[in-house]
C-alpha atoms as a PDB file:
ATOM      1  CA  MET A   1     -43.675 -25.930  26.987  1.00  0.00           C
ATOM      2  CA  PRO A   2     -40.923 -28.486  26.285  1.00  0.00           C
ATOM      3  CA  ARG A   3     -42.128 -31.454  24.297  1.00  0.00           C
ATOM      4  CA  ARG A   4     -41.029 -35.093  24.428  1.00  0.00           C
ATOM      5  CA  VAL A   5     -39.846 -36.099  20.961  1.00  0.00           C
ATOM      6  CA  VAL A   6     -38.820 -39.486  19.529  1.00  0.00           C
ATOM      7  CA  ILE A   7     -36.536 -39.114  16.494  1.00  0.00           C
ATOM      8  CA  ALA A   8     -36.136 -42.109  14.171  1.00  0.00           C
ATOM      9  CA  LEU A   9     -33.086 -41.773  11.961  1.00  0.00           C
ATOM     10  CA  GLY A  10     -33.124 -43.519   8.585  1.00  0.00           C
ATOM     11  CA  GLY A  11     -30.218 -45.660   7.428  1.00  0.00           C
ATOM     12  CA  ASN A  12     -28.797 -42.833   5.304  1.00  0.00           C
ATOM     13  CA  ALA A  13     -28.058 -40.908   8.480  1.00  0.00           C
ATOM     14  CA  ILE A  14     -25.359 -43.507   9.233  1.00  0.00           C
ATOM     15  CA  LEU A  15     -24.330 -45.010   5.897  1.00  0.00           C
ATOM     16  CA  LYS A  16     -25.487 -43.781   2.501  1.00  0.00           C
ATOM     17  CA  PRO A  17     -25.990 -46.133  -0.467  1.00  0.00           C
ATOM     18  CA  HIS A  18     -22.746 -47.128  -2.223  1.00  0.00           C
ATOM     19  CA  GLN A  19     -20.540 -45.630   0.486  1.00  0.00           C
ATOM     20  CA  SER A  20     -17.693 -47.700   1.883  1.00  0.00           C
ATOM     21  CA  ALA A  21     -18.698 -49.045   5.314  1.00  0.00           C
ATOM     22  CA  THR A  22     -15.622 -47.735   7.098  1.00  0.00           C
ATOM     23  CA  VAL A  23     -15.846 -46.362  10.610  1.00  0.00           C
ATOM     24  CA  GLU A  24     -14.552 -43.020   9.347  1.00  0.00           C
ATOM     25  CA  THR A  25     -17.369 -42.725   6.792  1.00  0.00           C
ATOM     26  CA  GLN A  26     -20.020 -43.601   9.344  1.00  0.00           C
ATOM     27  CA  ILE A  27     -18.620 -41.147  11.889  1.00  0.00           C
ATOM     28  CA  ALA A  28     -18.776 -38.345   9.292  1.00  0.00           C
ATOM     29  CA  ASN A  29     -22.438 -39.126   8.546  1.00  0.00           C
ATOM     30  CA  ILE A  30     -23.361 -39.458  12.213  1.00  0.00           C
ATOM     31  CA  ARG A  31     -21.678 -36.146  12.961  1.00  0.00           C
ATOM     32  CA  SER A  32     -24.117 -34.414  10.605  1.00  0.00           C
ATOM     33  CA  SER A  33     -27.016 -36.172  12.358  1.00  0.00           C
ATOM     34  CA  ALA A  34     -25.700 -35.079  15.750  1.00  0.00           C
ATOM     35  CA  GLU A  35     -25.686 -31.442  14.641  1.00  0.00           C
ATOM     36  CA  GLN A  36     -29.380 -31.652  13.764  1.00  0.00           C
ATOM     37  CA  ILE A  37     -30.257 -33.415  17.030  1.00  0.00           C
ATOM     38  CA  ILE A  38     -28.546 -30.675  19.010  1.00  0.00           C
ATOM     39  CA  LYS A  39     -30.589 -28.050  17.125  1.00  0.00           C
ATOM     40  CA  LEU A  40     -33.693 -29.714  18.577  1.00  0.00           C
ATOM     41  CA  GLU A  41     -32.131 -30.038  22.017  1.00  0.00           C
ATOM     42  CA  LYS A  42     -31.476 -26.280  22.025  1.00  0.00           C
ATOM     43  CA  LEU A  43     -35.239 -25.802  21.593  1.00  0.00           C
ATOM     44  CA  ASP A  44     -35.557 -27.349  25.085  1.00  0.00           C
ATOM     45  CA  HIS A  45     -37.212 -30.618  24.063  1.00  0.00           C
ATOM     46  CA  GLN A  46     -36.762 -34.021  25.679  1.00  0.00           C
ATOM     47  CA  ILE A  47     -35.250 -36.242  22.988  1.00  0.00           C
ATOM     48  CA  VAL A  48     -35.032 -39.973  22.350  1.00  0.00           C
ATOM     49  CA  VAL A  49     -33.123 -41.079  19.256  1.00  0.00           C
ATOM     50  CA  THR A  50     -33.608 -44.399  17.519  1.00  0.00           C
ATOM     51  CA  HIS A  51     -31.927 -45.529  14.314  1.00  0.00           C
ATOM     52  CA  GLY A  52     -31.630 -48.155  11.611  1.00  0.00           C
ATOM     53  CA  ASN A  53     -28.868 -50.758  11.359  1.00  0.00           C
ATOM     54  CA  GLY A  54     -29.498 -52.590   8.076  1.00  0.00           C
ATOM     55  CA  PRO A  55     -26.069 -52.203   6.436  1.00  0.00           C
ATOM     56  CA  GLN A  56     -24.223 -52.649   9.724  1.00  0.00           C
ATOM     57  CA  VAL A  57     -25.920 -55.848  10.867  1.00  0.00           C
ATOM     58  CA  GLY A  58     -25.596 -57.167   7.302  1.00  0.00           C
ATOM     59  CA  ASN A  59     -21.829 -56.682   7.492  1.00  0.00           C
ATOM     60  CA  ILE A  60     -21.701 -58.383  10.891  1.00  0.00           C
ATOM     61  CA  LEU A  61     -23.554 -61.370   9.422  1.00  0.00           C
ATOM     62  CA  ARG A  62     -21.047 -61.426   6.555  1.00  0.00           C
ATOM     63  CA  GLN A  63     -18.169 -61.444   9.042  1.00  0.00           C
ATOM     64  CA  ASN A  64     -19.883 -64.394  10.729  1.00  0.00           C
ATOM     65  CA  GLU A  65     -19.970 -66.322   7.464  1.00  0.00           C
ATOM     66  CA  GLU A  66     -16.421 -65.456   6.456  1.00  0.00           C
ATOM     67  CA  ALA A  67     -14.988 -66.498   9.837  1.00  0.00           C
ATOM     68  CA  LYS A  68     -17.272 -69.441  10.638  1.00  0.00           C
ATOM     69  CA  GLU A  69     -14.434 -71.981  10.358  1.00  0.00           C
ATOM     70  CA  VAL A  70     -12.498 -70.095  13.050  1.00  0.00           C
ATOM     71  CA  VAL A  71     -15.071 -68.338  15.273  1.00  0.00           C
ATOM     72  CA  PRO A  72     -18.550 -69.793  15.960  1.00  0.00           C
ATOM     73  CA  PRO A  73     -21.219 -67.561  14.330  1.00  0.00           C
ATOM     74  CA  PHE A  74     -23.509 -65.559  16.613  1.00  0.00           C
ATOM     75  CA  PRO A  75     -27.313 -65.723  16.309  1.00  0.00           C
ATOM     76  CA  LEU A  76     -29.158 -62.795  14.749  1.00  0.00           C
ATOM     77  CA  ASP A  77     -30.351 -61.286  18.052  1.00  0.00           C
ATOM     78  CA  VAL A  78     -26.737 -61.090  19.282  1.00  0.00           C
ATOM     79  CA  CYS A  79     -25.630 -59.534  15.979  1.00  0.00           C
ATOM     80  CA  ASN A  80     -28.377 -56.935  16.407  1.00  0.00           C
ATOM     81  CA  ALA A  81     -27.118 -56.155  19.911  1.00  0.00           C
ATOM     82  CA  GLU A  82     -23.583 -55.824  18.552  1.00  0.00           C
ATOM     83  CA  SER A  83     -24.717 -53.304  15.951  1.00  0.00           C
ATOM     84  CA  GLN A  84     -26.724 -51.368  18.565  1.00  0.00           C
ATOM     85  CA  GLY A  85     -23.595 -51.109  20.672  1.00  0.00           C
ATOM     86  CA  PHE A  86     -21.184 -49.794  18.099  1.00  0.00           C
ATOM     87  CA  ILE A  87     -23.653 -47.452  16.368  1.00  0.00           C
ATOM     88  CA  GLY A  88     -24.748 -46.162  19.769  1.00  0.00           C
ATOM     89  CA  TYR A  89     -21.135 -45.546  20.727  1.00  0.00           C
ATOM     90  CA  LEU A  90     -20.423 -43.528  17.580  1.00  0.00           C
ATOM     91  CA  MET A  91     -23.673 -41.592  17.905  1.00  0.00           C
ATOM     92  CA  GLU A  92     -23.267 -40.916  21.620  1.00  0.00           C
ATOM     93  CA  GLN A  93     -19.726 -39.672  21.096  1.00  0.00           C
ATOM     94  CA  SER A  94     -20.746 -37.336  18.265  1.00  0.00           C
ATOM     95  CA  ILE A  95     -23.679 -35.907  20.227  1.00  0.00           C
ATOM     96  CA  LYS A  96     -21.518 -35.483  23.331  1.00  0.00           C
ATOM     97  CA  ASN A  97     -18.944 -33.553  21.307  1.00  0.00           C
ATOM     98  CA  GLU A  98     -21.690 -31.269  19.981  1.00  0.00           C
ATOM     99  CA  ILE A  99     -23.015 -30.738  23.525  1.00  0.00           C
ATOM    100  CA  GLU A 100     -19.585 -29.656  24.736  1.00  0.00           C
ATOM    101  CA  GLN A 101     -18.969 -27.445  21.721  1.00  0.00           C
ATOM    102  CA  GLU A 102     -22.307 -25.680  22.242  1.00  0.00           C
ATOM    103  CA  GLU A 103     -21.690 -25.527  26.031  1.00  0.00           C
ATOM    104  CA  LEU A 104     -25.046 -27.133  26.823  1.00  0.00           C
ATOM    105  CA  THR A 105     -25.953 -28.637  30.189  1.00  0.00           C
ATOM    106  CA  CYS A 106     -27.583 -31.859  28.951  1.00  0.00           C
ATOM    107  CA  SER A 107     -25.937 -35.264  28.699  1.00  0.00           C
ATOM    108  CA  VAL A 108     -26.379 -38.293  26.414  1.00  0.00           C
ATOM    109  CA  VAL A 109     -26.498 -42.047  26.997  1.00  0.00           C
ATOM    110  CA  THR A 110     -27.037 -45.185  24.895  1.00  0.00           C
ATOM    111  CA  LEU A 111     -29.238 -48.054  26.086  1.00  0.00           C
ATOM    112  CA  LEU A 112     -29.184 -51.534  24.594  1.00  0.00           C
ATOM    113  CA  THR A 113     -32.880 -52.141  24.092  1.00  0.00           C
ATOM    114  CA  GLN A 114     -34.735 -55.447  24.122  1.00  0.00           C
ATOM    115  CA  VAL A 115     -38.067 -55.434  22.285  1.00  0.00           C
ATOM    116  CA  GLU A 116     -40.603 -58.126  23.064  1.00  0.00           C
ATOM    117  CA  VAL A 117     -42.435 -59.920  20.278  1.00  0.00           C
ATOM    118  CA  SER A 118     -44.893 -62.813  20.288  1.00  0.00           C
ATOM    119  CA  LEU A 119     -44.375 -66.250  18.789  1.00  0.00           C
ATOM    120  CA  GLU A 120     -48.068 -66.079  17.873  1.00  0.00           C
ATOM    121  CA  ASP A 121     -47.283 -63.259  15.432  1.00  0.00           C
ATOM    122  CA  PRO A 122     -48.142 -64.380  11.867  1.00  0.00           C
ATOM    123  CA  ALA A 123     -44.668 -63.237  10.765  1.00  0.00           C
ATOM    124  CA  PHE A 124     -43.178 -66.384  12.309  1.00  0.00           C
ATOM    125  CA  GLN A 125     -45.273 -68.480   9.944  1.00  0.00           C
ATOM    126  CA  GLU A 126     -44.305 -66.420   6.889  1.00  0.00           C
ATOM    127  CA  PRO A 127     -40.737 -65.056   7.203  1.00  0.00           C
ATOM    128  CA  SER A 128     -40.270 -62.222   4.719  1.00  0.00           C
ATOM    129  CA  LYS A 129     -37.307 -60.046   5.734  1.00  0.00           C
ATOM    130  CA  PRO A 130     -34.159 -60.743   3.651  1.00  0.00           C
ATOM    131  CA  ILE A 131     -30.865 -60.493   5.534  1.00  0.00           C
ATOM    132  CA  GLY A 132     -27.189 -61.174   4.993  1.00  0.00           C
ATOM    133  CA  LEU A 133     -25.313 -62.414   1.945  1.00  0.00           C
ATOM    134  CA  PHE A 134     -26.458 -63.495  -1.502  1.00  0.00           C
ATOM    135  CA  TYR A 135     -25.888 -67.150  -2.423  1.00  0.00           C
ATOM    136  CA  ASP A 136     -26.259 -69.192  -5.575  1.00  0.00           C
ATOM    137  CA  GLU A 137     -28.993 -71.817  -5.683  1.00  0.00           C
ATOM    138  CA  ALA A 138     -26.762 -74.736  -4.675  1.00  0.00           C
ATOM    139  CA  GLU A 139     -25.342 -72.864  -1.678  1.00  0.00           C
ATOM    140  CA  ALA A 140     -28.834 -71.748  -0.645  1.00  0.00           C
ATOM    141  CA  MET A 141     -30.169 -75.303  -0.698  1.00  0.00           C
ATOM    142  CA  THR A 142     -27.218 -76.510   1.378  1.00  0.00           C
ATOM    143  CA  LEU A 143     -27.734 -73.780   3.990  1.00  0.00           C
ATOM    144  CA  ALA A 144     -31.464 -74.480   4.125  1.00  0.00           C
ATOM    145  CA  LYS A 145     -30.712 -78.131   4.887  1.00  0.00           C
ATOM    146  CA  GLU A 146     -27.785 -77.630   7.281  1.00  0.00           C
ATOM    147  CA  LYS A 147     -29.066 -74.630   9.254  1.00  0.00           C
ATOM    148  CA  ASN A 148     -32.813 -74.919   8.739  1.00  0.00           C
ATOM    149  CA  TRP A 149     -32.765 -71.473   7.142  1.00  0.00           C
ATOM    150  CA  ILE A 150     -35.554 -70.314   4.849  1.00  0.00           C
ATOM    151  CA  MET A 151     -33.973 -69.142   1.584  1.00  0.00           C
ATOM    152  CA  GLN A 152     -35.683 -67.083  -1.129  1.00  0.00           C
ATOM    153  CA  GLU A 153     -34.615 -65.721  -4.475  1.00  0.00           C
ATOM    154  CA  ASP A 154     -34.133 -61.931  -4.279  1.00  0.00           C
ATOM    155  CA  ALA A 155     -34.836 -59.860  -7.416  1.00  0.00           C
ATOM    156  CA  GLY A 156     -32.608 -61.916  -9.702  1.00  0.00           C
ATOM    157  CA  ARG A 157     -29.531 -61.235  -7.598  1.00  0.00           C
ATOM    158  CA  GLY A 158     -29.311 -64.649  -5.934  1.00  0.00           C
ATOM    159  CA  TYR A 159     -30.767 -66.288  -2.855  1.00  0.00           C
ATOM    160  CA  ARG A 160     -30.873 -64.772   0.633  1.00  0.00           C
ATOM    161  CA  ARG A 161     -31.997 -65.924   4.016  1.00  0.00           C
ATOM    162  CA  VAL A 162     -35.372 -64.540   5.112  1.00  0.00           C
ATOM    163  CA  VAL A 163     -36.426 -64.167   8.741  1.00  0.00           C
ATOM    164  CA  PRO A 164     -39.632 -63.105  10.524  1.00  0.00           C
ATOM    165  CA  SER A 165     -40.425 -59.407  10.953  1.00  0.00           C
ATOM    166  CA  PRO A 166     -42.933 -59.409  13.840  1.00  0.00           C
ATOM    167  CA  GLN A 167     -44.756 -56.483  15.411  1.00  0.00           C
ATOM    168  CA  PRO A 168     -43.192 -55.071  18.602  1.00  0.00           C
ATOM    169  CA  ILE A 169     -45.484 -55.553  21.592  1.00  0.00           C
ATOM    170  CA  ALA A 170     -43.377 -54.043  24.406  1.00  0.00           C
ATOM    171  CA  ILE A 171     -40.161 -52.046  24.761  1.00  0.00           C
ATOM    172  CA  HIS A 172     -38.204 -53.127  27.829  1.00  0.00           C
ATOM    173  CA  GLY A 173     -36.387 -50.475  29.871  1.00  0.00           C
ATOM    174  CA  VAL A 174     -38.924 -47.689  29.316  1.00  0.00           C
ATOM    175  CA  GLU A 175     -38.834 -46.666  32.987  1.00  0.00           C
ATOM    176  CA  ALA A 176     -35.092 -46.007  32.697  1.00  0.00           C
ATOM    177  CA  ILE A 177     -35.593 -43.993  29.509  1.00  0.00           C
ATOM    178  CA  VAL A 178     -38.223 -41.752  31.117  1.00  0.00           C
ATOM    179  CA  HIS A 179     -36.033 -41.270  34.207  1.00  0.00           C
ATOM    180  CA  LEU A 180     -33.089 -40.199  32.033  1.00  0.00           C
ATOM    181  CA  LEU A 181     -35.246 -37.795  30.019  1.00  0.00           C
ATOM    182  CA  ASN A 182     -36.344 -36.133  33.247  1.00  0.00           C
ATOM    183  CA  GLN A 183     -32.665 -35.749  34.169  1.00  0.00           C
ATOM    184  CA  ASN A 184     -31.956 -33.660  31.037  1.00  0.00           C
ATOM    185  CA  THR A 185     -30.408 -36.576  29.133  1.00  0.00           C
ATOM    186  CA  ILE A 186     -30.692 -37.363  25.428  1.00  0.00           C
ATOM    187  CA  VAL A 187     -31.354 -41.115  25.144  1.00  0.00           C
ATOM    188  CA  ILE A 188     -30.320 -43.338  22.222  1.00  0.00           C
ATOM    189  CA  ALA A 189     -32.491 -46.481  22.299  1.00  0.00           C
ATOM    190  CA  GLY A 190     -34.234 -49.103  20.175  1.00  0.00           C
ATOM    191  CA  GLY A 191     -31.578 -49.126  17.464  1.00  0.00           C
ATOM    192  CA  GLY A 192     -32.273 -51.331  14.456  1.00  0.00           C
ATOM    193  CA  GLY A 193     -35.784 -52.017  15.695  1.00  0.00           C
ATOM    194  CA  GLY A 194     -34.452 -53.358  18.983  1.00  0.00           C
ATOM    195  CA  ILE A 195     -33.108 -56.757  20.027  1.00  0.00           C
ATOM    196  CA  PRO A 196     -36.019 -59.177  19.460  1.00  0.00           C
ATOM    197  CA  VAL A 197     -36.943 -61.253  22.510  1.00  0.00           C
ATOM    198  CA  ILE A 198     -39.815 -63.458  23.599  1.00  0.00           C
ATOM    199  CA  LYS A 199     -41.084 -63.942  27.141  1.00  0.00           C
ATOM    200  CA  GLU A 200     -41.027 -67.482  28.552  1.00  0.00           C
ATOM    201  CA  GLU A 201     -41.695 -68.924  32.002  1.00  0.00           C
ATOM    202  CA  THR A 202     -38.003 -68.586  32.812  1.00  0.00           C
ATOM    203  CA  GLY A 203     -37.787 -64.994  31.533  1.00  0.00           C
ATOM    204  CA  LEU A 204     -36.742 -63.284  28.297  1.00  0.00           C
ATOM    205  CA  ARG A 205     -34.972 -65.113  25.479  1.00  0.00           C
ATOM    206  CA  GLY A 206     -33.540 -63.725  22.260  1.00  0.00           C
ATOM    207  CA  ILE A 207     -35.017 -64.911  18.995  1.00  0.00           C
ATOM    208  CA  GLU A 208     -33.882 -64.660  15.387  1.00  0.00           C
ATOM    209  CA  ALA A 209     -36.036 -61.966  13.804  1.00  0.00           C
ATOM    210  CA  VAL A 210     -35.848 -58.379  12.551  1.00  0.00           C
ATOM    211  CA  ILE A 211     -38.285 -55.755  13.839  1.00  0.00           C
ATOM    212  CA  ASP A 212     -39.108 -52.820  11.565  1.00  0.00           C
ATOM    213  CA  LYS A 213     -37.377 -49.767  13.029  1.00  0.00           C
ATOM    214  CA  ASP A 214     -40.306 -47.415  12.348  1.00  0.00           C
ATOM    215  CA  ARG A 215     -42.740 -49.745  14.119  1.00  0.00           C
ATOM    216  CA  THR A 216     -40.380 -49.885  17.097  1.00  0.00           C
ATOM    217  CA  GLY A 217     -40.035 -46.101  17.031  1.00  0.00           C
ATOM    218  CA  LYS A 218     -43.812 -45.751  17.160  1.00  0.00           C
ATOM    219  CA  LYS A 219     -44.092 -48.241  20.037  1.00  0.00           C
ATOM    220  CA  LEU A 220     -41.314 -46.441  21.906  1.00  0.00           C
ATOM    221  CA  ALA A 221     -43.028 -43.088  21.392  1.00  0.00           C
ATOM    222  CA  GLU A 222     -46.280 -44.553  22.722  1.00  0.00           C
ATOM    223  CA  GLN A 223     -44.719 -46.121  25.802  1.00  0.00           C
ATOM    224  CA  ILE A 224     -42.819 -43.005  26.895  1.00  0.00           C
ATOM    225  CA  ASP A 225     -45.888 -40.824  26.166  1.00  0.00           C
ATOM    226  CA  ALA A 226     -44.091 -38.706  23.576  1.00  0.00           C
ATOM    227  CA  ASP A 227     -45.796 -35.667  22.080  1.00  0.00           C
ATOM    228  CA  VAL A 228     -44.126 -35.995  18.665  1.00  0.00           C
ATOM    229  CA  PHE A 229     -42.779 -38.929  16.657  1.00  0.00           C
ATOM    230  CA  MET A 230     -40.390 -37.803  13.901  1.00  0.00           C
ATOM    231  CA  MET A 231     -39.067 -40.043  11.138  1.00  0.00           C
ATOM    232  CA  LEU A 232     -36.079 -38.435   9.430  1.00  0.00           C
ATOM    233  CA  THR A 233     -35.363 -39.707   5.952  1.00  0.00           C
ATOM    234  CA  ASP A 234     -33.698 -38.679   2.689  1.00  0.00           C
ATOM    235  CA  VAL A 235     -36.725 -36.840   1.259  1.00  0.00           C
ATOM    236  CA  SER A 236     -38.224 -33.555   2.399  1.00  0.00           C
ATOM    237  CA  ASN A 237     -41.887 -34.653   2.244  1.00  0.00           C
ATOM    238  CA  VAL A 238     -44.265 -37.501   1.590  1.00  0.00           C
ATOM    239  CA  TYR A 239     -45.851 -37.465  -1.889  1.00  0.00           C
ATOM    240  CA  ILE A 240     -48.876 -38.978  -3.576  1.00  0.00           C
ATOM    241  CA  HIS A 241     -48.640 -40.102  -7.218  1.00  0.00           C
ATOM    242  CA  TYR A 242     -44.886 -40.231  -6.589  1.00  0.00           C
ATOM    243  CA  GLY A 243     -42.728 -40.245  -9.731  1.00  0.00           C
ATOM    244  CA  THR A 244     -45.593 -39.313 -12.052  1.00  0.00           C
ATOM    245  CA  PRO A 245     -46.641 -36.000 -13.658  1.00  0.00           C
ATOM    246  CA  GLN A 246     -49.402 -35.821 -11.006  1.00  0.00           C
ATOM    247  CA  GLN A 247     -46.902 -35.979  -8.128  1.00  0.00           C
ATOM    248  CA  GLU A 248     -48.147 -33.900  -5.186  1.00  0.00           C
ATOM    249  CA  LYS A 249     -46.350 -32.927  -1.998  1.00  0.00           C
ATOM    250  CA  LEU A 250     -48.188 -33.498   1.270  1.00  0.00           C
ATOM    251  CA  THR A 251     -47.672 -30.993   4.096  1.00  0.00           C
ATOM    252  CA  GLU A 252     -50.291 -31.388   6.842  1.00  0.00           C
ATOM    253  CA  LEU A 253     -52.852 -34.181   6.965  1.00  0.00           C
ATOM    254  CA  SER A 254     -55.556 -35.374   9.291  1.00  0.00           C
ATOM    255  CA  VAL A 255     -55.525 -39.049  10.241  1.00  0.00           C
ATOM    256  CA  ASP A 256     -58.526 -39.659   7.968  1.00  0.00           C
ATOM    257  CA  GLU A 257     -56.797 -38.037   4.990  1.00  0.00           C
ATOM    258  CA  ALA A 258     -53.591 -39.995   5.600  1.00  0.00           C
ATOM    259  CA  GLU A 259     -55.500 -43.277   5.917  1.00  0.00           C
ATOM    260  CA  GLY A 260     -57.335 -42.554   2.677  1.00  0.00           C
ATOM    261  CA  TYR A 261     -54.078 -42.113   0.765  1.00  0.00           C
ATOM    262  CA  PHE A 262     -52.594 -45.183   2.488  1.00  0.00           C
ATOM    263  CA  ASP A 263     -55.566 -47.384   1.606  1.00  0.00           C
ATOM    264  CA  ALA A 264     -55.427 -46.132  -1.980  1.00  0.00           C
ATOM    265  CA  GLY A 265     -51.923 -47.604  -2.283  1.00  0.00           C
ATOM    266  CA  HIS A 266     -49.910 -44.406  -2.636  1.00  0.00           C
ATOM    267  CA  PHE A 267     -47.078 -45.552  -0.362  1.00  0.00           C
ATOM    268  CA  ALA A 268     -44.869 -48.471  -1.364  1.00  0.00           C
ATOM    269  CA  GLU A 269     -44.334 -51.284   1.128  1.00  0.00           C
ATOM    270  CA  GLY A 270     -40.564 -51.168   0.649  1.00  0.00           C
ATOM    271  CA  SER A 271     -40.164 -47.426   1.200  1.00  0.00           C
ATOM    272  CA  MET A 272     -42.747 -44.955   2.534  1.00  0.00           C
ATOM    273  CA  GLY A 273     -45.414 -47.525   3.444  1.00  0.00           C
ATOM    274  CA  PRO A 274     -44.064 -48.561   6.877  1.00  0.00           C
ATOM    275  CA  LYS A 275     -43.356 -44.928   7.785  1.00  0.00           C
ATOM    276  CA  MET A 276     -46.892 -43.826   6.973  1.00  0.00           C
ATOM    277  CA  GLU A 277     -48.312 -46.848   8.804  1.00  0.00           C
ATOM    278  CA  ALA A 278     -46.340 -45.878  11.916  1.00  0.00           C
ATOM    279  CA  ALA A 279     -47.183 -42.175  11.564  1.00  0.00           C
ATOM    280  CA  ILE A 280     -50.919 -42.832  11.232  1.00  0.00           C
ATOM    281  CA  GLY A 281     -50.929 -45.226  14.194  1.00  0.00           C
ATOM    282  CA  PHE A 282     -49.213 -42.682  16.427  1.00  0.00           C
ATOM    283  CA  ALA A 283     -51.307 -39.704  15.297  1.00  0.00           C
ATOM    284  CA  LYS A 284     -54.512 -41.634  16.042  1.00  0.00           C
ATOM    285  CA  GLN A 285     -53.746 -41.107  19.727  1.00  0.00           C
ATOM    286  CA  GLY A 286     -54.187 -37.367  19.375  1.00  0.00           C
ATOM    287  CA  LYS A 287     -50.471 -36.801  18.832  1.00  0.00           C
ATOM    288  CA  THR A 288     -48.325 -35.475  15.953  1.00  0.00           C
ATOM    289  CA  ALA A 289     -46.200 -37.569  13.592  1.00  0.00           C
ATOM    290  CA  ILE A 290     -43.715 -35.960  11.219  1.00  0.00           C
ATOM    291  CA  ILE A 291     -41.835 -37.328   8.202  1.00  0.00           C
ATOM    292  CA  CYS A 292     -39.130 -35.019   6.889  1.00  0.00           C
ATOM    293  CA  SER A 293     -35.505 -34.766   5.811  1.00  0.00           C
ATOM    294  CA  LEU A 294     -32.717 -34.824   8.368  1.00  0.00           C
ATOM    295  CA  GLU A 295     -31.585 -31.357   7.318  1.00  0.00           C
ATOM    296  CA  GLU A 296     -35.019 -29.799   7.988  1.00  0.00           C
ATOM    297  CA  ALA A 297     -35.795 -31.477  11.325  1.00  0.00           C
ATOM    298  CA  ASP A 298     -35.838 -28.236  13.327  1.00  0.00           C
ATOM    299  CA  LEU A 299     -38.056 -26.508  10.757  1.00  0.00           C
ATOM    300  CA  ALA A 300     -40.407 -29.488  10.599  1.00  0.00           C
ATOM    301  CA  LEU A 301     -40.825 -29.557  14.354  1.00  0.00           C
ATOM    302  CA  SER A 302     -42.009 -25.950  14.216  1.00  0.00           C
ATOM    303  CA  GLY A 303     -44.401 -26.677  11.321  1.00  0.00           C
ATOM    304  CA  GLN A 304     -42.342 -25.065   8.572  1.00  0.00           C
ATOM    305  CA  ALA A 305     -41.231 -28.161   6.649  1.00  0.00           C
ATOM    306  CA  GLY A 306     -41.927 -31.852   6.184  1.00  0.00           C
ATOM    307  CA  THR A 307     -45.181 -33.805   6.238  1.00  0.00           C
ATOM    308  CA  ARG A 308     -47.235 -33.729   9.445  1.00  0.00           C
ATOM    309  CA  ILE A 309     -50.011 -36.154  10.378  1.00  0.00           C
ATOM    310  CA  VAL A 310     -52.070 -34.610  13.161  1.00  0.00           C
ATOM    311  CA  GLY A 311     -54.494 -36.465  15.406  1.00  0.00           C
END
């Protein structure tokens, strides 16, 4: 039976560390991702693709700062939408080219995706997500005063703006995504964690925040009733005791086993922690979550590679 699969691509699938952020470089990386996605499509699955946008939205924010005397800067939610659009365009084009080369009958479409959050989320009281440029202390204090930004020192490299990173509570446009899946269409949605919005009496309104892309991927997988939630990253498996002589590769885990390792602190907050949190939350619903490398996605889906958390 065909399965409904949500694939969350890590940032390295679009732009690797220390690479120049040219369009040509990003197209080359995305082309490799598209090849792997089409391998899964050929297995007759329904596929939704979501992706990160950290480097891209950071560069857009830098452009804002560099050009602020000429062009009024856009708020963060609009910058997120801008990054969704251009990454989606490059990804959709690459996947479409693969579809035509393989002579498949499916199609592909990109949806700008608004993700609802709540102002009651504790994240709005304690912003923690660093974004944008580094500034010296004097510049940071000026920006904090002029723009009401919250500035924090970042690992000895200077000061950066920090913004809230709230939990996603609802993905908007899910009905359209499900309809497209049933029409044999690969859907690209929820890029960069989605465009953060809040619901007011007058309707939706964008808000300056950053939603964790893995949390949005999990929420998206839940709302479309996916069978599998896959997070593709730059490592082949999840490990415990990572980087020590006791390092151990994890292959298949129950929810209870995964929670035990999570609670024991095996997964760092800045790397594997959010992925395992999302995987455990999804698997608790009796579904399957997978964390694996991009290159082994097809093998992982068939149980031959990667780390699987099974509910």
